[in-house]
Amino acid sequence: MLKKRARGSAPSPATSPESAPRPYRVLKRTVDIILVATTVAVVVYLAGFLVKVSRGYSLTQDTPALSVRLQLVNASGDRGAAGRYLQKLQKMSDFDLEIAVVDTVWLERRQVPRTLVVARSSDQASARVLAQRLGLDDGEVEFRELEHNARNVTATLILGRDVALAKPPNPRAKEQH
């Protein structure tokens, strides 16, 4: 049997929440709803994450058929040749052949007569495709492995004097005549 309390007296600890003042009940019910909603959200997120992990969730990207990590050596005697070829190589890179120039070298004292490609890995396919795109013959592709290949170079393009002689036409030259 429940005891009646006297008017104006504070509720005893044994009283139920229903008998507590109304603001307390509203606050308790709001906190309970927030806790339940947060728990449900966390459980749903973790379940989705576990499903992705168990199914082998991964990002699919198309990769090029061949990839060249290129060392560009300017042995042509023309300082601007490397810059022109860098632009040409960037335009040449596509889905079939990815070209990443990882090193450029200027040989001031030693000039090479003809442009050639040196394959730096035993798989010479990418070096041969690069040579074809540059308009070079198969005879202008050699294989020489690098001793200390820290940059993982797969091919070296050596620009020869033939590049310096075959400069692209200057569009302003026509305007002057």
N, C-alpha and C. Protein backbone atom coordinates (compact mmCIF):
# COMPACT_ATOMS: atom_id res chain seq x y z
N MET A 1 0.82 -1.16 0.00
CA MET A 1 0.00 0.00 0.00
C MET A 1 0.88 1.24 0.00
N LEU A 2 0.48 2.24 -0.81
CA LEU A 2 1.27 3.45 -0.94
C LEU A 2 0.89 4.45 0.14
N LYS A 3 1.89 5.09 0.65
CA LYS A 3 1.64 6.13 1.63
C LYS A 3 1.36 7.42 0.91
N LYS A 4 0.46 8.16 1.47
CA LYS A 4 0.20 9.47 0.92
C LYS A 4 1.18 10.43 1.55
N ARG A 5 1.67 11.33 0.73
CA ARG A 5 2.58 12.31 1.29
C ARG A 5 1.84 13.60 1.58
N ALA A 6 2.40 14.29 2.43
CA ALA A 6 1.77 15.54 2.83
C ALA A 6 1.98 16.59 1.77
N ARG A 7 1.01 17.48 1.69
CA ARG A 7 1.11 18.56 0.71
C ARG A 7 2.34 19.41 0.99
N GLY A 8 3.03 19.78 -0.16
CA GLY A 8 4.17 20.67 -0.04
C GLY A 8 5.45 19.96 0.35
N SER A 9 5.40 18.68 0.64
CA SER A 9 6.62 17.98 1.00
C SER A 9 7.32 17.47 -0.26
N ALA A 10 8.61 17.31 -0.21
CA ALA A 10 9.40 16.85 -1.36
C ALA A 10 9.14 15.37 -1.59
N PRO A 11 9.21 14.91 -2.87
CA PRO A 11 8.99 13.49 -3.14
C PRO A 11 10.11 12.66 -2.54
N SER A 12 9.75 11.52 -2.04
CA SER A 12 10.75 10.62 -1.47
C SER A 12 11.43 9.85 -2.60
N PRO A 13 12.62 9.31 -2.33
CA PRO A 13 13.33 8.58 -3.38
C PRO A 13 12.57 7.35 -3.84
N ALA A 14 11.64 6.86 -3.11
CA ALA A 14 10.91 5.66 -3.47
C ALA A 14 9.78 5.94 -4.45
N THR A 15 9.51 7.19 -4.75
CA THR A 15 8.41 7.51 -5.65
C THR A 15 8.81 7.23 -7.08
N SER A 16 7.86 6.95 -7.96
CA SER A 16 8.11 6.61 -9.36
C SER A 16 8.31 7.87 -10.20
N PRO A 17 8.94 7.75 -11.42
CA PRO A 17 9.15 8.92 -12.29
C PRO A 17 7.84 9.55 -12.73
N GLU A 18 6.76 8.73 -12.79
CA GLU A 18 5.49 9.29 -13.21
C GLU A 18 4.98 10.32 -12.22
N SER A 19 5.35 10.12 -10.96
CA SER A 19 4.88 11.06 -9.95
C SER A 19 5.80 12.28 -9.83
N ALA A 20 6.96 12.28 -10.61
CA ALA A 20 7.88 13.40 -10.58
C ALA A 20 7.26 14.59 -11.30
N PRO A 21 7.79 15.77 -11.07
CA PRO A 21 7.25 16.95 -11.75
C PRO A 21 7.33 16.78 -13.27
N ARG A 22 6.44 17.39 -14.02
CA ARG A 22 6.29 17.24 -15.46
C ARG A 22 7.57 17.62 -16.24
N PRO A 23 8.27 18.73 -15.98
CA PRO A 23 9.50 19.06 -16.75
C PRO A 23 10.56 17.96 -16.67
N TYR A 24 10.68 17.32 -15.50
CA TYR A 24 11.65 16.25 -15.34
C TYR A 24 11.31 15.07 -16.25
N ARG A 25 10.02 14.70 -16.34
CA ARG A 25 9.59 13.58 -17.18
C ARG A 25 9.85 13.89 -18.66
N VAL A 26 9.58 15.12 -19.09
CA VAL A 26 9.81 15.50 -20.50
C VAL A 26 11.30 15.44 -20.83
N LEU A 27 12.13 15.96 -19.94
CA LEU A 27 13.58 15.93 -20.16
C LEU A 27 14.10 14.51 -20.20
N LYS A 28 13.62 13.66 -19.30
CA LYS A 28 14.06 12.26 -19.28
C LYS A 28 13.64 11.54 -20.55
N ARG A 29 12.42 11.76 -20.99
CA ARG A 29 11.94 11.12 -22.21
C ARG A 29 12.73 11.61 -23.43
N THR A 30 13.07 12.90 -23.51
CA THR A 30 13.87 13.45 -24.62
C THR A 30 15.26 12.84 -24.64
N VAL A 31 15.89 12.74 -23.50
CA VAL A 31 17.24 12.14 -23.41
C VAL A 31 17.18 10.67 -23.83
N ASP A 32 16.15 9.94 -23.41
CA ASP A 32 16.00 8.54 -23.80
C ASP A 32 15.85 8.40 -25.32
N ILE A 33 15.06 9.27 -25.93
CA ILE A 33 14.86 9.21 -27.39
C ILE A 33 16.16 9.52 -28.12
N ILE A 34 16.91 10.51 -27.66
CA ILE A 34 18.19 10.86 -28.29
C ILE A 34 19.17 9.71 -28.17
N LEU A 35 19.23 9.07 -27.01
CA LEU A 35 20.14 7.93 -26.83
C LEU A 35 19.77 6.76 -27.73
N VAL A 36 18.50 6.46 -27.85
CA VAL A 36 18.06 5.36 -28.72
C VAL A 36 18.37 5.68 -30.17
N ALA A 37 18.09 6.91 -30.61
CA ALA A 37 18.35 7.29 -32.01
C ALA A 37 19.84 7.23 -32.32
N THR A 38 20.69 7.69 -31.40
CA THR A 38 22.15 7.64 -31.60
C THR A 38 22.63 6.20 -31.67
N THR A 39 22.13 5.35 -30.82
CA THR A 39 22.52 3.94 -30.82
C THR A 39 22.12 3.27 -32.13
N VAL A 40 20.92 3.54 -32.62
CA VAL A 40 20.46 2.97 -33.89
C VAL A 40 21.34 3.46 -35.03
N ALA A 41 21.68 4.75 -35.06
CA ALA A 41 22.52 5.30 -36.13
C ALA A 41 23.91 4.65 -36.13
N VAL A 42 24.50 4.47 -34.97
CA VAL A 42 25.82 3.84 -34.87
C VAL A 42 25.76 2.39 -35.33
N VAL A 43 24.73 1.67 -34.94
CA VAL A 43 24.59 0.26 -35.34
C VAL A 43 24.43 0.15 -36.86
N VAL A 44 23.61 1.02 -37.45
CA VAL A 44 23.41 0.99 -38.91
C VAL A 44 24.72 1.31 -39.63
N TYR A 45 25.46 2.32 -39.16
CA TYR A 45 26.74 2.67 -39.78
C TYR A 45 27.73 1.51 -39.70
N LEU A 46 27.87 0.92 -38.54
CA LEU A 46 28.80 -0.20 -38.38
C LEU A 46 28.38 -1.40 -39.23
N ALA A 47 27.09 -1.65 -39.34
CA ALA A 47 26.62 -2.77 -40.18
C ALA A 47 26.97 -2.52 -41.64
N GLY A 48 26.79 -1.29 -42.12
CA GLY A 48 27.14 -0.96 -43.50
C GLY A 48 28.63 -1.09 -43.74
N PHE A 49 29.44 -0.65 -42.79
CA PHE A 49 30.89 -0.78 -42.90
C PHE A 49 31.31 -2.24 -42.96
N LEU A 50 30.74 -3.07 -42.10
CA LEU A 50 31.08 -4.49 -42.09
C LEU A 50 30.68 -5.17 -43.39
N VAL A 51 29.56 -4.78 -43.97
CA VAL A 51 29.14 -5.36 -45.25
C VAL A 51 30.15 -5.00 -46.34
N LYS A 52 30.59 -3.73 -46.38
CA LYS A 52 31.57 -3.31 -47.39
C LYS A 52 32.88 -4.05 -47.23
N VAL A 53 33.34 -4.20 -46.00
CA VAL A 53 34.61 -4.89 -45.75
C VAL A 53 34.50 -6.36 -46.12
N SER A 54 33.40 -6.99 -45.78
CA SER A 54 33.26 -8.42 -46.05
C SER A 54 33.11 -8.71 -47.54
N ARG A 55 32.60 -7.76 -48.30
CA ARG A 55 32.47 -7.95 -49.75
C ARG A 55 33.69 -7.50 -50.52
N GLY A 56 34.70 -6.98 -49.86
CA GLY A 56 35.91 -6.54 -50.54
C GLY A 56 35.72 -5.19 -51.20
N TYR A 57 35.23 -4.23 -50.49
CA TYR A 57 34.99 -2.88 -50.99
C TYR A 57 36.29 -2.28 -51.50
N SER A 58 36.30 -1.80 -52.76
CA SER A 58 37.49 -1.18 -53.31
C SER A 58 37.10 -0.18 -54.39
N LEU A 59 38.02 0.71 -54.69
CA LEU A 59 37.82 1.71 -55.72
C LEU A 59 38.41 1.17 -57.02
N THR A 60 37.60 1.16 -58.06
CA THR A 60 38.06 0.65 -59.34
C THR A 60 38.51 1.80 -60.22
N GLN A 61 39.73 1.71 -60.72
CA GLN A 61 40.25 2.74 -61.61
C GLN A 61 40.81 2.04 -62.84
N ASP A 62 40.60 2.68 -63.97
CA ASP A 62 41.19 2.16 -65.19
C ASP A 62 42.66 2.54 -65.21
N THR A 63 43.49 1.58 -65.54
CA THR A 63 44.92 1.84 -65.62
C THR A 63 45.37 1.75 -67.06
N PRO A 64 46.38 2.51 -67.43
CA PRO A 64 46.85 2.46 -68.81
C PRO A 64 47.47 1.10 -69.13
N ALA A 65 47.46 0.76 -70.42
CA ALA A 65 48.02 -0.51 -70.85
C ALA A 65 49.52 -0.57 -70.57
N LEU A 66 50.22 0.54 -70.84
CA LEU A 66 51.66 0.61 -70.62
C LEU A 66 51.99 1.89 -69.87
N SER A 67 53.02 1.83 -69.04
CA SER A 67 53.43 2.99 -68.28
C SER A 67 54.94 3.17 -68.41
N VAL A 68 55.37 4.42 -68.64
CA VAL A 68 56.79 4.72 -68.78
C VAL A 68 57.17 5.74 -67.73
N ARG A 69 58.15 5.39 -66.91
CA ARG A 69 58.77 6.37 -66.00
C ARG A 69 60.04 6.80 -66.72
N LEU A 70 60.01 8.01 -67.24
CA LEU A 70 61.00 8.46 -68.22
C LEU A 70 62.03 9.40 -67.63
N GLN A 71 63.27 9.15 -68.01
CA GLN A 71 64.37 10.07 -67.75
C GLN A 71 64.65 10.76 -69.08
N LEU A 72 64.60 12.08 -69.10
CA LEU A 72 64.81 12.85 -70.32
C LEU A 72 66.20 13.47 -70.27
N VAL A 73 67.05 13.08 -71.22
CA VAL A 73 68.42 13.58 -71.28
C VAL A 73 68.56 14.44 -72.53
N ASN A 74 68.91 15.71 -72.32
CA ASN A 74 69.08 16.63 -73.43
C ASN A 74 70.56 16.66 -73.81
N ALA A 75 70.90 15.97 -74.88
CA ALA A 75 72.27 15.95 -75.39
C ALA A 75 72.28 16.51 -76.81
N SER A 76 71.38 17.46 -77.07
CA SER A 76 71.22 18.00 -78.42
C SER A 76 72.04 19.26 -78.66
N GLY A 77 72.46 19.94 -77.61
CA GLY A 77 73.14 21.22 -77.77
C GLY A 77 72.16 22.39 -77.76
N ASP A 78 70.88 22.12 -77.75
CA ASP A 78 69.84 23.15 -77.73
C ASP A 78 69.15 23.09 -76.38
N ARG A 79 69.30 24.13 -75.56
CA ARG A 79 68.73 24.14 -74.20
C ARG A 79 67.20 24.06 -74.21
N GLY A 80 66.53 24.55 -75.23
CA GLY A 80 65.07 24.55 -75.28
C GLY A 80 64.46 23.24 -75.74
N ALA A 81 65.29 22.32 -76.21
CA ALA A 81 64.77 21.05 -76.75
C ALA A 81 64.04 20.24 -75.68
N ALA A 82 64.58 20.20 -74.49
CA ALA A 82 63.95 19.41 -73.42
C ALA A 82 62.57 19.98 -73.08
N GLY A 83 62.44 21.28 -73.01
CA GLY A 83 61.15 21.90 -72.72
C GLY A 83 60.12 21.60 -73.80
N ARG A 84 60.53 21.67 -75.05
CA ARG A 84 59.61 21.35 -76.15
C ARG A 84 59.18 19.89 -76.08
N TYR A 85 60.11 19.01 -75.78
CA TYR A 85 59.77 17.59 -75.70
C TYR A 85 58.91 17.27 -74.48
N LEU A 86 59.11 17.98 -73.39
CA LEU A 86 58.24 17.77 -72.22
C LEU A 86 56.79 18.05 -72.59
N GLN A 87 56.55 19.15 -73.31
CA GLN A 87 55.18 19.46 -73.74
C GLN A 87 54.66 18.39 -74.69
N LYS A 88 55.49 17.95 -75.59
CA LYS A 88 55.09 16.93 -76.55
C LYS A 88 54.75 15.62 -75.84
N LEU A 89 55.56 15.25 -74.86
CA LEU A 89 55.32 14.01 -74.12
C LEU A 89 54.04 14.08 -73.29
N GLN A 90 53.75 15.25 -72.71
CA GLN A 90 52.53 15.40 -71.94
C GLN A 90 51.30 15.22 -72.83
N LYS A 91 51.35 15.73 -74.05
CA LYS A 91 50.23 15.58 -74.98
C LYS A 91 50.12 14.14 -75.48
N MET A 92 51.22 13.44 -75.49
CA MET A 92 51.26 12.07 -76.00
C MET A 92 50.72 11.04 -75.00
N SER A 93 50.73 11.38 -73.72
CA SER A 93 50.27 10.47 -72.68
C SER A 93 48.75 10.28 -72.79
N ASP A 94 48.30 9.03 -72.86
CA ASP A 94 46.87 8.73 -72.98
C ASP A 94 46.56 7.41 -72.29
N PHE A 95 45.39 6.83 -72.60
CA PHE A 95 44.98 5.60 -71.93
C PHE A 95 45.87 4.41 -72.30
N ASP A 96 46.43 4.39 -73.50
CA ASP A 96 47.27 3.27 -73.92
C ASP A 96 48.69 3.38 -73.36
N LEU A 97 49.18 4.62 -73.22
CA LEU A 97 50.56 4.81 -72.76
C LEU A 97 50.61 6.00 -71.80
N GLU A 98 50.93 5.72 -70.55
CA GLU A 98 51.10 6.79 -69.56
C GLU A 98 52.57 7.14 -69.49
N ILE A 99 52.87 8.42 -69.64
CA ILE A 99 54.27 8.88 -69.61
C ILE A 99 54.45 9.81 -68.42
N ALA A 100 55.34 9.44 -67.52
CA ALA A 100 55.67 10.28 -66.37
C ALA A 100 57.16 10.58 -66.42
N VAL A 101 57.50 11.84 -66.66
CA VAL A 101 58.90 12.25 -66.70
C VAL A 101 59.35 12.44 -65.25
N VAL A 102 60.28 11.60 -64.81
CA VAL A 102 60.73 11.62 -63.41
C VAL A 102 62.08 12.29 -63.23
N ASP A 103 62.79 12.54 -64.34
CA ASP A 103 64.11 13.15 -64.23
C ASP A 103 64.47 13.79 -65.56
N THR A 104 65.10 14.96 -65.50
CA THR A 104 65.63 15.60 -66.71
C THR A 104 67.10 15.95 -66.46
N VAL A 105 67.90 15.73 -67.47
CA VAL A 105 69.35 15.96 -67.37
C VAL A 105 69.79 16.74 -68.60
N TRP A 106 70.68 17.71 -68.38
CA TRP A 106 71.25 18.50 -69.49
C TRP A 106 72.71 18.15 -69.60
N LEU A 107 73.12 17.62 -70.76
CA LEU A 107 74.52 17.31 -71.03
C LEU A 107 75.08 18.42 -71.91
N GLU A 108 75.82 19.32 -71.30
CA GLU A 108 76.31 20.49 -72.04
C GLU A 108 77.50 20.16 -72.92
N ARG A 109 78.39 19.35 -72.44
CA ARG A 109 79.64 19.11 -73.16
C ARG A 109 79.56 17.95 -74.13
N ARG A 110 78.65 17.04 -73.91
CA ARG A 110 78.58 15.86 -74.78
C ARG A 110 77.30 15.92 -75.59
N GLN A 111 77.45 15.88 -76.89
CA GLN A 111 76.28 15.89 -77.76
C GLN A 111 76.20 14.56 -78.50
N VAL A 112 74.98 14.10 -78.66
CA VAL A 112 74.71 12.83 -79.34
C VAL A 112 74.13 13.18 -80.70
N PRO A 113 74.57 12.50 -81.78
CA PRO A 113 74.09 12.88 -83.11
C PRO A 113 72.61 12.57 -83.35
N ARG A 114 72.12 11.43 -82.84
CA ARG A 114 70.72 11.03 -83.13
C ARG A 114 69.95 10.75 -81.83
N THR A 115 68.67 11.06 -81.86
CA THR A 115 67.79 10.79 -80.72
C THR A 115 67.57 9.29 -80.60
N LEU A 116 67.59 8.79 -79.36
CA LEU A 116 67.34 7.37 -79.16
C LEU A 116 66.66 7.13 -77.82
N VAL A 117 66.07 5.95 -77.69
CA VAL A 117 65.40 5.54 -76.46
C VAL A 117 66.18 4.36 -75.89
N VAL A 118 66.48 4.45 -74.59
CA VAL A 118 67.18 3.37 -73.90
C VAL A 118 66.21 2.74 -72.91
N ALA A 119 65.89 1.48 -73.14
CA ALA A 119 65.01 0.74 -72.21
C ALA A 119 65.81 0.41 -70.96
N ARG A 120 65.25 0.64 -69.79
CA ARG A 120 65.96 0.41 -68.53
C ARG A 120 65.44 -0.81 -67.79
N SER A 121 64.39 -1.45 -68.31
CA SER A 121 63.90 -2.69 -67.71
C SER A 121 63.86 -3.76 -68.79
N SER A 122 63.85 -5.01 -68.37
CA SER A 122 63.89 -6.10 -69.34
C SER A 122 62.63 -6.13 -70.21
N ASP A 123 61.51 -5.63 -69.67
CA ASP A 123 60.29 -5.52 -70.47
C ASP A 123 60.38 -4.22 -71.27
N GLN A 124 60.69 -4.35 -72.54
CA GLN A 124 60.97 -3.19 -73.38
C GLN A 124 59.75 -2.71 -74.15
N ALA A 125 58.58 -3.27 -73.90
CA ALA A 125 57.39 -2.92 -74.68
C ALA A 125 57.05 -1.45 -74.59
N SER A 126 57.07 -0.88 -73.38
CA SER A 126 56.71 0.53 -73.23
C SER A 126 57.75 1.43 -73.90
N ALA A 127 59.02 1.08 -73.84
CA ALA A 127 60.06 1.87 -74.50
C ALA A 127 59.89 1.82 -76.02
N ARG A 128 59.51 0.67 -76.56
CA ARG A 128 59.31 0.54 -78.01
C ARG A 128 58.08 1.32 -78.47
N VAL A 129 57.01 1.30 -77.69
CA VAL A 129 55.81 2.08 -78.04
C VAL A 129 56.13 3.57 -77.99
N LEU A 130 56.89 4.00 -76.99
CA LEU A 130 57.30 5.40 -76.91
C LEU A 130 58.12 5.79 -78.13
N ALA A 131 59.05 4.95 -78.53
CA ALA A 131 59.87 5.24 -79.71
C ALA A 131 59.01 5.35 -80.96
N GLN A 132 58.05 4.45 -81.12
CA GLN A 132 57.15 4.51 -82.28
C GLN A 132 56.38 5.83 -82.30
N ARG A 133 55.86 6.24 -81.15
CA ARG A 133 55.09 7.49 -81.08
C ARG A 133 55.94 8.70 -81.38
N LEU A 134 57.23 8.61 -81.07
CA LEU A 134 58.13 9.73 -81.36
C LEU A 134 58.64 9.69 -82.80
N GLY A 135 58.28 8.64 -83.55
CA GLY A 135 58.71 8.52 -84.93
C GLY A 135 60.10 7.94 -85.08
N LEU A 136 60.57 7.23 -84.07
CA LEU A 136 61.91 6.62 -84.12
C LEU A 136 61.81 5.18 -84.62
N ASP A 137 62.88 4.70 -85.23
CA ASP A 137 62.94 3.32 -85.72
C ASP A 137 63.22 2.37 -84.55
N ASP A 138 62.94 1.06 -84.78
CA ASP A 138 63.24 0.06 -83.76
C ASP A 138 64.74 -0.02 -83.47
N GLY A 139 65.57 0.32 -84.45
CA GLY A 139 67.02 0.31 -84.26
C GLY A 139 67.50 1.39 -83.31
N GLU A 140 66.62 2.35 -83.02
CA GLU A 140 67.00 3.43 -82.12
C GLU A 140 66.50 3.19 -80.69
N VAL A 141 66.18 1.92 -80.40
CA VAL A 141 65.81 1.50 -79.05
C VAL A 141 66.85 0.48 -78.59
N GLU A 142 67.53 0.81 -77.50
CA GLU A 142 68.55 -0.08 -76.94
C GLU A 142 68.13 -0.49 -75.54
N PHE A 143 68.80 -1.53 -75.02
CA PHE A 143 68.55 -1.94 -73.64
C PHE A 143 69.84 -1.83 -72.85
N ARG A 144 69.81 -1.01 -71.81
CA ARG A 144 70.92 -0.91 -70.86
C ARG A 144 70.31 -0.71 -69.48
N GLU A 145 70.54 -1.64 -68.60
CA GLU A 145 69.98 -1.55 -67.25
C GLU A 145 70.74 -0.51 -66.43
N LEU A 146 70.02 0.25 -65.63
CA LEU A 146 70.66 1.22 -64.73
C LEU A 146 71.16 0.49 -63.49
N GLU A 147 72.35 0.86 -63.05
CA GLU A 147 72.93 0.20 -61.89
C GLU A 147 72.22 0.62 -60.60
N HIS A 148 72.03 1.91 -60.40
CA HIS A 148 71.35 2.44 -59.21
C HIS A 148 70.12 3.19 -59.69
N ASN A 149 69.00 2.49 -59.74
CA ASN A 149 67.76 3.03 -60.30
C ASN A 149 66.78 3.41 -59.18
N ALA A 150 67.14 4.43 -58.41
CA ALA A 150 66.33 4.84 -57.25
C ALA A 150 64.99 5.41 -57.68
N ARG A 151 64.91 6.02 -58.84
CA ARG A 151 63.65 6.63 -59.30
C ARG A 151 62.80 5.66 -60.12
N ASN A 152 63.24 4.42 -60.20
CA ASN A 152 62.50 3.39 -60.92
C ASN A 152 62.22 3.79 -62.37
N VAL A 153 63.26 4.29 -63.03
CA VAL A 153 63.16 4.71 -64.43
C VAL A 153 63.01 3.47 -65.30
N THR A 154 62.02 3.49 -66.22
CA THR A 154 61.83 2.35 -67.12
C THR A 154 62.39 2.62 -68.51
N ALA A 155 62.61 3.91 -68.84
CA ALA A 155 63.20 4.25 -70.14
C ALA A 155 63.88 5.61 -70.05
N THR A 156 64.89 5.80 -70.89
CA THR A 156 65.58 7.08 -71.00
C THR A 156 65.47 7.55 -72.44
N LEU A 157 65.02 8.78 -72.61
CA LEU A 157 64.95 9.40 -73.93
C LEU A 157 66.12 10.36 -74.04
N ILE A 158 67.04 10.05 -74.94
CA ILE A 158 68.22 10.90 -75.15
C ILE A 158 67.98 11.72 -76.41
N LEU A 159 67.85 13.03 -76.22
CA LEU A 159 67.63 13.92 -77.36
C LEU A 159 68.96 14.23 -78.02
N GLY A 160 69.06 13.94 -79.31
CA GLY A 160 70.28 14.17 -80.05
C GLY A 160 70.25 15.47 -80.84
N ARG A 161 71.33 15.71 -81.61
CA ARG A 161 71.43 16.93 -82.41
C ARG A 161 70.35 17.00 -83.47
N ASP A 162 69.81 15.85 -83.92
CA ASP A 162 68.75 15.86 -84.92
C ASP A 162 67.50 16.58 -84.41
N VAL A 163 67.30 16.62 -83.10
CA VAL A 163 66.17 17.35 -82.52
C VAL A 163 66.40 18.85 -82.64
N ALA A 164 67.63 19.28 -82.40
CA ALA A 164 67.94 20.71 -82.48
C ALA A 164 67.80 21.22 -83.91
N LEU A 165 68.07 20.37 -84.89
CA LEU A 165 67.97 20.79 -86.30
C LEU A 165 66.51 20.81 -86.76
N ALA A 166 65.67 19.98 -86.17
CA ALA A 166 64.28 19.88 -86.58
C ALA A 166 63.37 20.64 -85.64
N LYS A 167 63.64 21.95 -85.50
CA LYS A 167 62.82 22.78 -84.63
C LYS A 167 61.44 22.97 -85.26
N PRO A 168 60.39 23.07 -84.43
CA PRO A 168 59.07 23.32 -84.99
C PRO A 168 59.03 24.71 -85.62
N PRO A 169 58.24 24.88 -86.70
CA PRO A 169 58.19 26.18 -87.37
C PRO A 169 57.63 27.26 -86.44
N ASN A 170 58.15 28.46 -86.58
CA ASN A 170 57.71 29.59 -85.78
C ASN A 170 56.51 30.22 -86.48
N PRO A 171 55.31 30.26 -85.86
CA PRO A 171 54.14 30.81 -86.52
C PRO A 171 54.27 32.31 -86.80
N ARG A 172 55.08 33.02 -86.07
CA ARG A 172 55.27 34.46 -86.30
C ARG A 172 56.17 34.74 -87.49
N ALA A 173 56.96 33.75 -87.91
CA ALA A 173 57.87 33.95 -89.04
C ALA A 173 57.09 34.23 -90.31
N LYS A 174 55.92 33.63 -90.50
CA LYS A 174 55.10 33.83 -91.69
C LYS A 174 54.54 35.26 -91.71
N GLU A 175 54.22 35.80 -90.54
CA GLU A 175 53.65 37.14 -90.45
C GLU A 175 54.67 38.21 -90.84
N GLN A 176 55.95 37.94 -90.61
CA GLN A 176 56.99 38.95 -90.86
C GLN A 176 57.27 39.09 -92.35
N HIS A 177 57.01 38.07 -93.17
CA HIS A 177 57.32 38.14 -94.61
C HIS A 177 56.22 38.77 -95.35
